Amino acid sequence: MESSASSFQRTLVARASAARDAQLTRAAKRKRVLDEDEFVAALDRIIERDYFPGLPLLRAQHELLLAIEADDPERARRAYAMVGAATPAAHSSRREERPPTRGQRSEWDETPRRAGDGKARQKRPAGAAGPP
């Protein structure tokens, strides 16, 4: 005869196993196999986005300089629009990294002090020698 605890445990394991199987089936349906060129292009976009966020702005500025050098006003207008579109994304991360101005708190405000550095004195045990 089987105890109720072991049958309850089997029921839980069976439910968890069924749920995991369903989850894996859904995940397998969503996946799409990329060919090599698509994979490399996607990887390039991810690396550029994560490690070189200012690169689109530099490309737009380079295009603008080439248009000015070629004396092509239409190309320069398009390149200037590209610079304007790339500028907010490049500078938004710089604003977040600025040190706080006077009156604002920073992560250094919460730095613990070493014993004896702070305003509060440590209490001495009764009978300890030394200045009060």
N, C-alpha and C. Protein backbone atom coordinates (compact mmCIF):
# COMPACT_ATOMS: atom_id res chain seq x y z
N MET A 1 0.83 -1.18 0.00
CA MET A 1 0.00 0.00 0.00
C MET A 1 0.88 1.25 0.00
N GLU A 2 0.50 2.17 -0.77
CA GLU A 2 1.25 3.39 -0.98
C GLU A 2 0.79 4.47 -0.01
N SER A 3 1.75 5.21 0.52
CA SER A 3 1.35 6.27 1.45
C SER A 3 0.84 7.46 0.65
N SER A 4 0.06 8.27 1.32
CA SER A 4 -0.51 9.44 0.65
C SER A 4 0.57 10.46 0.32
N ALA A 5 1.65 10.52 1.11
CA ALA A 5 2.73 11.47 0.84
C ALA A 5 3.45 11.12 -0.46
N SER A 6 3.74 9.83 -0.66
CA SER A 6 4.45 9.45 -1.88
C SER A 6 3.56 9.62 -3.12
N SER A 7 2.27 9.35 -3.01
CA SER A 7 1.38 9.56 -4.16
C SER A 7 1.24 11.06 -4.46
N PHE A 8 1.23 11.88 -3.42
CA PHE A 8 1.17 13.33 -3.61
C PHE A 8 2.45 13.82 -4.30
N GLN A 9 3.59 13.25 -3.87
CA GLN A 9 4.87 13.63 -4.48
C GLN A 9 4.90 13.22 -5.96
N ARG A 10 4.42 12.03 -6.28
CA ARG A 10 4.39 11.59 -7.67
C ARG A 10 3.50 12.51 -8.52
N THR A 11 2.39 12.93 -7.93
CA THR A 11 1.48 13.83 -8.65
C THR A 11 2.16 15.16 -8.94
N LEU A 12 2.88 15.70 -7.94
CA LEU A 12 3.59 16.96 -8.14
C LEU A 12 4.67 16.83 -9.21
N VAL A 13 5.41 15.74 -9.17
CA VAL A 13 6.48 15.53 -10.15
C VAL A 13 5.88 15.39 -11.54
N ALA A 14 4.80 14.68 -11.66
CA ALA A 14 4.16 14.50 -12.97
C ALA A 14 3.66 15.83 -13.52
N ARG A 15 3.08 16.66 -12.67
CA ARG A 15 2.60 17.98 -13.12
C ARG A 15 3.76 18.87 -13.55
N ALA A 16 4.83 18.86 -12.75
CA ALA A 16 6.00 19.69 -13.08
C ALA A 16 6.63 19.22 -14.39
N SER A 17 6.70 17.91 -14.58
CA SER A 17 7.27 17.37 -15.80
C SER A 17 6.42 17.74 -17.02
N ALA A 18 5.11 17.65 -16.88
CA ALA A 18 4.21 18.02 -17.98
C ALA A 18 4.33 19.51 -18.31
N ALA A 19 4.43 20.35 -17.28
CA ALA A 19 4.56 21.79 -17.50
C ALA A 19 5.87 22.11 -18.21
N ARG A 20 6.96 21.45 -17.81
CA ARG A 20 8.26 21.68 -18.44
C ARG A 20 8.25 21.21 -19.89
N ASP A 21 7.63 20.08 -20.15
CA ASP A 21 7.52 19.60 -21.53
C ASP A 21 6.75 20.58 -22.41
N ALA A 22 5.68 21.12 -21.88
CA ALA A 22 4.89 22.10 -22.63
C ALA A 22 5.70 23.36 -22.89
N GLN A 23 6.48 23.80 -21.89
CA GLN A 23 7.29 24.99 -22.04
C GLN A 23 8.37 24.77 -23.11
N LEU A 24 9.03 23.63 -23.10
CA LEU A 24 10.05 23.33 -24.11
C LEU A 24 9.46 23.24 -25.50
N THR A 25 8.26 22.70 -25.63
CA THR A 25 7.60 22.61 -26.93
C THR A 25 7.30 24.00 -27.48
N ARG A 26 6.80 24.89 -26.62
CA ARG A 26 6.53 26.27 -27.06
C ARG A 26 7.82 26.97 -27.46
N ALA A 27 8.89 26.77 -26.70
CA ALA A 27 10.17 27.41 -27.02
C ALA A 27 10.72 26.90 -28.34
N ALA A 28 10.57 25.61 -28.60
CA ALA A 28 11.07 25.04 -29.85
C ALA A 28 10.29 25.58 -31.06
N LYS A 29 9.03 25.87 -30.89
CA LYS A 29 8.23 26.41 -32.00
C LYS A 29 8.62 27.84 -32.33
N ARG A 30 9.08 28.61 -31.32
CA ARG A 30 9.45 30.01 -31.54
C ARG A 30 10.80 30.17 -32.21
N LYS A 31 11.68 29.22 -32.09
CA LYS A 31 13.03 29.35 -32.60
C LYS A 31 13.05 29.27 -34.12
N ARG A 32 13.99 30.01 -34.67
CA ARG A 32 14.19 30.01 -36.11
C ARG A 32 15.68 29.86 -36.36
N VAL A 33 16.05 28.95 -37.19
CA VAL A 33 17.45 28.70 -37.51
C VAL A 33 17.89 29.73 -38.54
N LEU A 34 18.99 30.43 -38.22
CA LEU A 34 19.52 31.45 -39.12
C LEU A 34 20.64 30.85 -39.97
N ASP A 35 20.74 31.36 -41.20
CA ASP A 35 21.90 30.95 -41.96
C ASP A 35 23.10 31.78 -41.48
N GLU A 36 24.28 31.47 -41.95
CA GLU A 36 25.50 32.07 -41.42
C GLU A 36 25.53 33.59 -41.59
N ASP A 37 25.11 34.08 -42.74
CA ASP A 37 25.13 35.53 -42.99
C ASP A 37 24.19 36.27 -42.05
N GLU A 38 22.99 35.74 -41.84
CA GLU A 38 22.04 36.38 -40.92
C GLU A 38 22.56 36.36 -39.49
N PHE A 39 23.17 35.25 -39.10
CA PHE A 39 23.71 35.12 -37.75
C PHE A 39 24.83 36.13 -37.52
N VAL A 40 25.75 36.25 -38.46
CA VAL A 40 26.87 37.18 -38.32
C VAL A 40 26.37 38.62 -38.29
N ALA A 41 25.39 38.94 -39.13
CA ALA A 41 24.84 40.31 -39.14
C ALA A 41 24.15 40.62 -37.81
N ALA A 42 23.39 39.66 -37.28
CA ALA A 42 22.72 39.88 -35.99
C ALA A 42 23.74 40.02 -34.87
N LEU A 43 24.78 39.22 -34.91
CA LEU A 43 25.83 39.32 -33.90
C LEU A 43 26.56 40.65 -33.99
N ASP A 44 26.81 41.13 -35.19
CA ASP A 44 27.43 42.45 -35.38
C ASP A 44 26.56 43.55 -34.76
N ARG A 45 25.26 43.49 -35.00
CA ARG A 45 24.36 44.51 -34.44
C ARG A 45 24.38 44.48 -32.90
N ILE A 46 24.39 43.28 -32.33
CA ILE A 46 24.40 43.15 -30.87
C ILE A 46 25.70 43.69 -30.30
N ILE A 47 26.83 43.35 -30.90
CA ILE A 47 28.13 43.84 -30.40
C ILE A 47 28.21 45.35 -30.52
N GLU A 48 27.76 45.88 -31.64
CA GLU A 48 27.78 47.34 -31.82
C GLU A 48 26.89 48.02 -30.79
N ARG A 49 25.70 47.48 -30.56
CA ARG A 49 24.77 48.08 -29.60
C ARG A 49 25.32 48.04 -28.18
N ASP A 50 25.93 46.92 -27.78
CA ASP A 50 26.36 46.76 -26.40
C ASP A 50 27.72 47.37 -26.11
N TYR A 51 28.66 47.27 -27.04
CA TYR A 51 30.03 47.69 -26.76
C TYR A 51 30.45 48.99 -27.44
N PHE A 52 29.77 49.40 -28.49
CA PHE A 52 30.13 50.62 -29.20
C PHE A 52 28.89 51.47 -29.46
N PRO A 53 28.23 52.00 -28.42
CA PRO A 53 26.98 52.72 -28.62
C PRO A 53 27.15 54.04 -29.37
N GLY A 54 28.34 54.60 -29.41
CA GLY A 54 28.56 55.87 -30.10
C GLY A 54 28.90 55.71 -31.57
N LEU A 55 29.00 54.49 -32.05
CA LEU A 55 29.40 54.25 -33.43
C LEU A 55 28.43 54.81 -34.47
N PRO A 56 27.11 54.73 -34.31
CA PRO A 56 26.22 55.35 -35.31
C PRO A 56 26.44 56.86 -35.45
N LEU A 57 26.72 57.53 -34.34
CA LEU A 57 26.99 58.97 -34.42
C LEU A 57 28.27 59.22 -35.19
N LEU A 58 29.30 58.44 -34.95
CA LEU A 58 30.56 58.61 -35.67
C LEU A 58 30.38 58.34 -37.17
N ARG A 59 29.59 57.34 -37.50
CA ARG A 59 29.33 57.06 -38.93
C ARG A 59 28.58 58.21 -39.58
N ALA A 60 27.61 58.77 -38.87
CA ALA A 60 26.83 59.88 -39.41
C ALA A 60 27.72 61.12 -39.59
N GLN A 61 28.59 61.38 -38.61
CA GLN A 61 29.50 62.52 -38.73
C GLN A 61 30.48 62.32 -39.89
N HIS A 62 30.94 61.10 -40.07
CA HIS A 62 31.84 60.82 -41.19
C HIS A 62 31.13 61.05 -42.52
N GLU A 63 29.90 60.61 -42.62
CA GLU A 63 29.12 60.82 -43.84
C GLU A 63 28.93 62.32 -44.11
N LEU A 64 28.68 63.08 -43.03
CA LEU A 64 28.52 64.53 -43.18
C LEU A 64 29.81 65.16 -43.69
N LEU A 65 30.95 64.76 -43.13
CA LEU A 65 32.23 65.31 -43.59
C LEU A 65 32.51 64.96 -45.04
N LEU A 66 32.18 63.73 -45.44
CA LEU A 66 32.37 63.35 -46.84
C LEU A 66 31.46 64.16 -47.77
N ALA A 67 30.23 64.42 -47.33
CA ALA A 67 29.30 65.21 -48.15
C ALA A 67 29.79 66.65 -48.28
N ILE A 68 30.30 67.21 -47.20
CA ILE A 68 30.82 68.59 -47.26
C ILE A 68 32.05 68.64 -48.17
N GLU A 69 32.91 67.64 -48.02
CA GLU A 69 34.11 67.59 -48.86
C GLU A 69 33.77 67.45 -50.34
N ALA A 70 32.70 66.68 -50.65
CA ALA A 70 32.28 66.48 -52.04
C ALA A 70 31.44 67.64 -52.55
N ASP A 71 31.11 68.60 -51.67
CA ASP A 71 30.29 69.77 -52.02
C ASP A 71 28.95 69.34 -52.60
N ASP A 72 28.30 68.40 -51.89
CA ASP A 72 26.99 67.87 -52.28
C ASP A 72 25.97 68.28 -51.22
N PRO A 73 25.18 69.35 -51.47
CA PRO A 73 24.27 69.85 -50.43
C PRO A 73 23.15 68.88 -50.06
N GLU A 74 22.64 68.11 -51.03
CA GLU A 74 21.56 67.16 -50.72
C GLU A 74 22.08 66.03 -49.83
N ARG A 75 23.23 65.53 -50.17
CA ARG A 75 23.85 64.48 -49.35
C ARG A 75 24.19 65.02 -47.96
N ALA A 76 24.63 66.27 -47.89
CA ALA A 76 24.95 66.88 -46.60
C ALA A 76 23.69 67.03 -45.74
N ARG A 77 22.55 67.39 -46.36
CA ARG A 77 21.30 67.50 -45.59
C ARG A 77 20.89 66.15 -45.01
N ARG A 78 20.99 65.10 -45.84
CA ARG A 78 20.66 63.75 -45.35
C ARG A 78 21.61 63.33 -44.22
N ALA A 79 22.90 63.63 -44.39
CA ALA A 79 23.88 63.26 -43.37
C ALA A 79 23.65 64.06 -42.09
N TYR A 80 23.28 65.33 -42.22
CA TYR A 80 23.00 66.14 -41.04
C TYR A 80 21.78 65.60 -40.28
N ALA A 81 20.79 65.13 -41.03
CA ALA A 81 19.62 64.51 -40.39
C ALA A 81 20.02 63.23 -39.66
N MET A 82 20.96 62.48 -40.26
CA MET A 82 21.45 61.27 -39.60
C MET A 82 22.18 61.61 -38.30
N VAL A 83 22.95 62.70 -38.30
CA VAL A 83 23.66 63.13 -37.09
C VAL A 83 22.66 63.51 -36.02
N GLY A 84 21.61 64.23 -36.40
CA GLY A 84 20.59 64.62 -35.44
C GLY A 84 19.86 63.42 -34.86
N ALA A 85 19.63 62.40 -35.68
CA ALA A 85 18.94 61.20 -35.20
C ALA A 85 19.84 60.37 -34.29
N ALA A 86 21.15 60.38 -34.53
CA ALA A 86 22.08 59.56 -33.75
C ALA A 86 22.52 60.25 -32.46
N THR A 87 22.37 61.56 -32.36
CA THR A 87 22.90 62.29 -31.22
C THR A 87 22.23 61.96 -29.89
N PRO A 88 20.91 61.91 -29.74
CA PRO A 88 20.34 61.66 -28.41
C PRO A 88 20.75 60.32 -27.81
N ALA A 89 20.85 59.27 -28.61
CA ALA A 89 21.22 57.95 -28.09
C ALA A 89 22.66 57.96 -27.59
N ALA A 90 23.52 58.69 -28.27
CA ALA A 90 24.92 58.71 -27.87
C ALA A 90 25.14 59.52 -26.61
N HIS A 91 24.36 60.57 -26.41
CA HIS A 91 24.59 61.43 -25.25
C HIS A 91 23.76 61.07 -24.04
N SER A 92 22.75 60.23 -24.17
CA SER A 92 21.92 59.89 -23.02
C SER A 92 22.72 59.13 -21.98
N SER A 93 23.63 58.25 -22.40
CA SER A 93 24.41 57.49 -21.42
C SER A 93 25.41 58.40 -20.72
N ARG A 94 25.89 59.44 -21.39
CA ARG A 94 26.83 60.36 -20.74
C ARG A 94 26.14 61.14 -19.64
N ARG A 95 24.88 61.49 -19.83
CA ARG A 95 24.16 62.24 -18.79
C ARG A 95 24.00 61.40 -17.54
N GLU A 96 23.81 60.11 -17.70
CA GLU A 96 23.62 59.24 -16.55
C GLU A 96 24.91 59.07 -15.77
N GLU A 97 26.08 59.21 -16.42
CA GLU A 97 27.36 58.98 -15.76
C GLU A 97 27.91 60.24 -15.10
N ARG A 98 27.28 61.39 -15.26
CA ARG A 98 27.79 62.61 -14.65
C ARG A 98 27.80 62.52 -13.14
N PRO A 99 28.81 63.11 -12.51
CA PRO A 99 28.80 63.10 -11.06
C PRO A 99 27.67 63.99 -10.54
N PRO A 100 27.15 63.70 -9.37
CA PRO A 100 26.04 64.50 -8.85
C PRO A 100 26.47 65.93 -8.56
N THR A 101 25.56 66.86 -8.76
CA THR A 101 25.86 68.24 -8.45
C THR A 101 25.60 68.50 -6.97
N ARG A 102 25.93 69.68 -6.51
CA ARG A 102 25.76 70.00 -5.10
C ARG A 102 24.31 69.81 -4.68
N GLY A 103 24.12 69.13 -3.56
CA GLY A 103 22.78 68.88 -3.05
C GLY A 103 22.22 67.54 -3.45
N GLN A 104 22.81 66.89 -4.46
CA GLN A 104 22.35 65.57 -4.86
C GLN A 104 23.18 64.51 -4.14
N ARG A 105 22.56 63.38 -3.88
CA ARG A 105 23.26 62.30 -3.21
C ARG A 105 23.90 61.38 -4.25
N SER A 106 25.00 60.78 -3.87
CA SER A 106 25.65 59.80 -4.73
C SER A 106 25.85 58.51 -3.97
N GLU A 107 26.40 57.49 -4.67
CA GLU A 107 26.62 56.23 -3.98
C GLU A 107 27.70 56.34 -2.91
N TRP A 108 28.52 57.39 -2.98
CA TRP A 108 29.59 57.56 -2.00
C TRP A 108 29.06 58.12 -0.69
N ASP A 109 27.85 58.62 -0.67
CA ASP A 109 27.28 59.14 0.58
C ASP A 109 27.03 58.02 1.57
N GLU A 110 26.88 56.82 1.10
CA GLU A 110 26.57 55.69 1.97
C GLU A 110 27.82 54.90 2.36
N THR A 111 29.01 55.41 2.05
CA THR A 111 30.23 54.69 2.36
C THR A 111 30.42 54.62 3.88
N PRO A 112 30.62 53.43 4.43
CA PRO A 112 30.81 53.34 5.88
C PRO A 112 32.16 53.92 6.28
N ARG A 113 32.21 54.42 7.47
CA ARG A 113 33.44 55.03 7.98
C ARG A 113 34.20 54.01 8.81
N ARG A 114 35.51 54.20 8.87
CA ARG A 114 36.33 53.36 9.74
C ARG A 114 36.12 53.76 11.18
N ALA A 115 36.39 52.88 12.09
CA ALA A 115 36.26 53.19 13.51
C ALA A 115 37.22 54.33 13.85
N GLY A 116 36.73 55.34 14.49
CA GLY A 116 37.55 56.48 14.90
C GLY A 116 37.52 57.63 13.91
N ASP A 117 37.03 57.44 12.68
CA ASP A 117 36.98 58.51 11.68
C ASP A 117 35.73 59.37 11.82
N GLY A 118 34.66 58.80 12.33
CA GLY A 118 33.38 59.50 12.36
C GLY A 118 33.27 60.42 13.56
N LYS A 119 32.12 61.08 13.64
CA LYS A 119 31.87 62.00 14.74
C LYS A 119 31.53 61.25 16.02
N ALA A 120 30.89 60.10 15.87
CA ALA A 120 30.48 59.33 17.05
C ALA A 120 31.69 58.59 17.60
N ARG A 121 31.90 58.70 18.90
CA ARG A 121 33.01 58.01 19.54
C ARG A 121 32.55 56.66 20.03
N GLN A 122 33.48 55.75 20.02
CA GLN A 122 33.15 54.44 20.54
C GLN A 122 33.24 54.47 22.05
N LYS A 123 32.36 53.75 22.71
CA LYS A 123 32.36 53.68 24.16
C LYS A 123 33.49 52.76 24.59
N ARG A 124 34.18 53.17 25.65
CA ARG A 124 35.25 52.36 26.20
C ARG A 124 34.69 51.45 27.28
N PRO A 125 35.27 50.29 27.39
CA PRO A 125 34.84 49.43 28.49
C PRO A 125 35.22 50.04 29.83
N ALA A 126 34.44 49.70 30.83
CA ALA A 126 34.70 50.25 32.17
C ALA A 126 36.10 49.86 32.63
N GLY A 127 36.82 50.83 33.14
CA GLY A 127 38.16 50.59 33.67
C GLY A 127 39.25 50.69 32.62
N ALA A 128 38.94 51.06 31.37
CA ALA A 128 39.96 51.19 30.34
C ALA A 128 40.76 52.46 30.53
N ALA A 129 42.03 52.38 30.33
CA ALA A 129 42.91 53.55 30.51
C ALA A 129 42.89 54.40 29.25
N GLY A 130 43.27 55.64 29.42
CA GLY A 130 43.38 56.53 28.27
C GLY A 130 42.49 57.74 28.43
N PRO A 131 42.67 58.73 27.56
CA PRO A 131 41.86 59.96 27.65
C PRO A 131 40.40 59.67 27.35
N PRO A 132 39.49 60.43 27.96
CA PRO A 132 38.06 60.18 27.77
C PRO A 132 37.59 60.47 26.38
